[in-house]
N, C-alpha and C. Protein backbone atom coordinates (compact mmCIF):
# COMPACT_ATOMS: atom_id res chain seq x y z
N MET A 1 95.94 -109.49 25.53
CA MET A 1 95.85 -108.52 26.58
C MET A 1 94.46 -108.51 27.20
N CYS A 2 93.45 -108.64 26.39
CA CYS A 2 92.08 -108.61 26.91
C CYS A 2 91.84 -109.77 27.86
N LYS A 3 92.36 -110.95 27.52
CA LYS A 3 92.16 -112.12 28.38
C LYS A 3 92.86 -111.90 29.72
N LEU A 4 94.05 -111.32 29.70
CA LEU A 4 94.74 -111.03 30.96
C LEU A 4 93.91 -110.09 31.82
N SER A 5 93.38 -109.06 31.21
CA SER A 5 92.53 -108.12 31.95
C SER A 5 91.30 -108.82 32.51
N ASP A 6 90.71 -109.71 31.72
CA ASP A 6 89.55 -110.47 32.18
C ASP A 6 89.89 -111.33 33.40
N TRP A 7 91.14 -111.78 33.49
CA TRP A 7 91.58 -112.60 34.61
C TRP A 7 91.97 -111.76 35.82
N GLY A 8 91.89 -110.43 35.69
CA GLY A 8 92.22 -109.57 36.81
C GLY A 8 93.64 -109.05 36.83
N VAL A 9 94.39 -109.35 35.77
CA VAL A 9 95.77 -108.86 35.68
C VAL A 9 95.73 -107.39 35.28
N ILE A 10 96.50 -106.58 35.98
CA ILE A 10 96.59 -105.17 35.62
C ILE A 10 97.59 -105.03 34.49
N VAL A 11 97.11 -104.62 33.33
CA VAL A 11 97.94 -104.50 32.13
C VAL A 11 98.34 -103.04 31.97
N LEU A 12 99.64 -102.79 31.97
CA LEU A 12 100.14 -101.42 31.88
C LEU A 12 100.60 -101.08 30.46
N VAL A 13 99.90 -101.61 29.48
CA VAL A 13 100.20 -101.31 28.09
C VAL A 13 98.91 -100.86 27.43
N GLY A 14 98.98 -99.78 26.72
CA GLY A 14 97.83 -99.23 26.02
C GLY A 14 98.10 -97.78 25.70
N ASP A 15 97.36 -97.24 24.79
CA ASP A 15 97.59 -95.86 24.39
C ASP A 15 97.47 -94.87 25.55
N ASP A 16 96.68 -95.21 26.56
CA ASP A 16 96.50 -94.30 27.69
C ASP A 16 97.53 -94.50 28.80
N VAL A 17 98.34 -95.57 28.72
CA VAL A 17 99.33 -95.85 29.76
C VAL A 17 100.74 -95.90 29.19
N TYR A 18 101.00 -96.87 28.35
CA TYR A 18 102.33 -97.08 27.78
C TYR A 18 102.14 -97.69 26.40
N LYS A 19 102.42 -96.92 25.39
CA LYS A 19 102.22 -97.40 24.02
C LYS A 19 103.23 -98.49 23.69
N GLN A 20 102.73 -99.54 23.05
CA GLN A 20 103.62 -100.62 22.64
C GLN A 20 104.57 -100.13 21.57
N HIS A 21 105.76 -100.69 21.59
CA HIS A 21 106.78 -100.34 20.61
C HIS A 21 107.15 -101.58 19.82
N GLU A 22 107.91 -101.40 18.79
CA GLU A 22 108.33 -102.53 17.97
C GLU A 22 109.22 -103.48 18.78
N PRO A 23 109.08 -104.79 18.56
CA PRO A 23 109.93 -105.75 19.26
C PRO A 23 111.41 -105.43 19.04
N GLY A 24 112.17 -105.55 20.11
CA GLY A 24 113.62 -105.32 20.02
C GLY A 24 114.03 -103.87 20.19
N THR A 25 113.06 -102.97 20.41
CA THR A 25 113.41 -101.55 20.55
C THR A 25 113.13 -101.03 21.96
N GLY A 26 112.89 -101.92 22.90
CA GLY A 26 112.52 -101.52 24.25
C GLY A 26 113.53 -100.62 24.94
N GLU A 27 114.81 -100.83 24.65
CA GLU A 27 115.82 -100.00 25.31
C GLU A 27 115.68 -98.52 24.95
N ASN A 28 115.03 -98.24 23.84
CA ASN A 28 114.81 -96.85 23.45
C ASN A 28 113.63 -96.21 24.17
N TYR A 29 112.82 -97.03 24.82
CA TYR A 29 111.58 -96.54 25.42
C TYR A 29 111.47 -96.80 26.92
N ILE A 30 112.46 -97.46 27.50
CA ILE A 30 112.38 -97.84 28.91
C ILE A 30 112.16 -96.63 29.82
N HIS A 31 112.67 -95.49 29.43
CA HIS A 31 112.51 -94.28 30.25
C HIS A 31 111.07 -93.78 30.26
N LEU A 32 110.26 -94.26 29.32
CA LEU A 32 108.86 -93.84 29.25
C LEU A 32 107.91 -94.76 30.03
N PHE A 33 108.44 -95.90 30.50
CA PHE A 33 107.58 -96.85 31.20
C PHE A 33 107.05 -96.23 32.49
N PRO A 34 105.75 -96.42 32.79
CA PRO A 34 105.16 -95.82 33.99
C PRO A 34 105.47 -96.63 35.26
N TRP A 35 106.72 -96.55 35.71
CA TRP A 35 107.14 -97.33 36.87
C TRP A 35 106.29 -97.02 38.10
N ASP A 36 105.86 -95.78 38.24
CA ASP A 36 105.02 -95.43 39.39
C ASP A 36 103.69 -96.17 39.35
N LYS A 37 103.13 -96.34 38.16
CA LYS A 37 101.86 -97.08 38.03
C LYS A 37 102.07 -98.57 38.30
N ALA A 38 103.21 -99.09 37.88
CA ALA A 38 103.53 -100.50 38.14
C ALA A 38 103.65 -100.73 39.65
N TRP A 39 104.32 -99.82 40.33
CA TRP A 39 104.48 -99.93 41.78
C TRP A 39 103.13 -99.85 42.49
N GLN A 40 102.30 -98.91 42.09
CA GLN A 40 100.98 -98.76 42.70
C GLN A 40 100.11 -100.00 42.45
N ALA A 41 100.22 -100.57 41.26
CA ALA A 41 99.46 -101.79 40.95
C ALA A 41 99.92 -102.94 41.84
N LEU A 42 101.21 -103.03 42.08
CA LEU A 42 101.73 -104.07 42.96
C LEU A 42 101.24 -103.87 44.39
N LEU A 43 101.31 -102.65 44.88
CA LEU A 43 100.87 -102.37 46.24
C LEU A 43 99.38 -102.62 46.44
N ALA A 44 98.59 -102.41 45.40
CA ALA A 44 97.14 -102.58 45.49
C ALA A 44 96.68 -103.99 45.17
N HIS A 45 97.57 -104.88 44.79
CA HIS A 45 97.20 -106.23 44.40
C HIS A 45 96.55 -106.97 45.57
N PRO A 46 95.45 -107.67 45.31
CA PRO A 46 94.72 -108.36 46.38
C PRO A 46 95.57 -109.38 47.17
N LEU A 47 96.52 -110.05 46.52
CA LEU A 47 97.34 -111.02 47.23
C LEU A 47 98.30 -110.33 48.20
N ARG A 48 98.62 -109.07 47.93
CA ARG A 48 99.49 -108.33 48.83
C ARG A 48 98.70 -107.72 49.97
N THR A 49 97.52 -107.21 49.68
CA THR A 49 96.73 -106.52 50.69
C THR A 49 95.88 -107.49 51.52
N GLY A 50 95.69 -108.69 51.03
CA GLY A 50 94.89 -109.68 51.76
C GLY A 50 93.41 -109.47 51.56
N PRO A 51 92.61 -110.39 52.07
CA PRO A 51 91.16 -110.30 51.90
C PRO A 51 90.61 -109.09 52.66
N SER A 52 89.55 -108.53 52.10
CA SER A 52 88.96 -107.37 52.78
C SER A 52 87.79 -107.76 53.64
């Protein structure tokens, strides 16, 4: 995860955003995913907004 962040990827997993769950149990937690934050990250992405 740290390497992804270093590369500029917005990671929406962490105790302050979305706590990781045990593999194979995602269907129990999908309602907790911060879809609004994912959407905002997509809208703010440099490739979408273009050079400033």
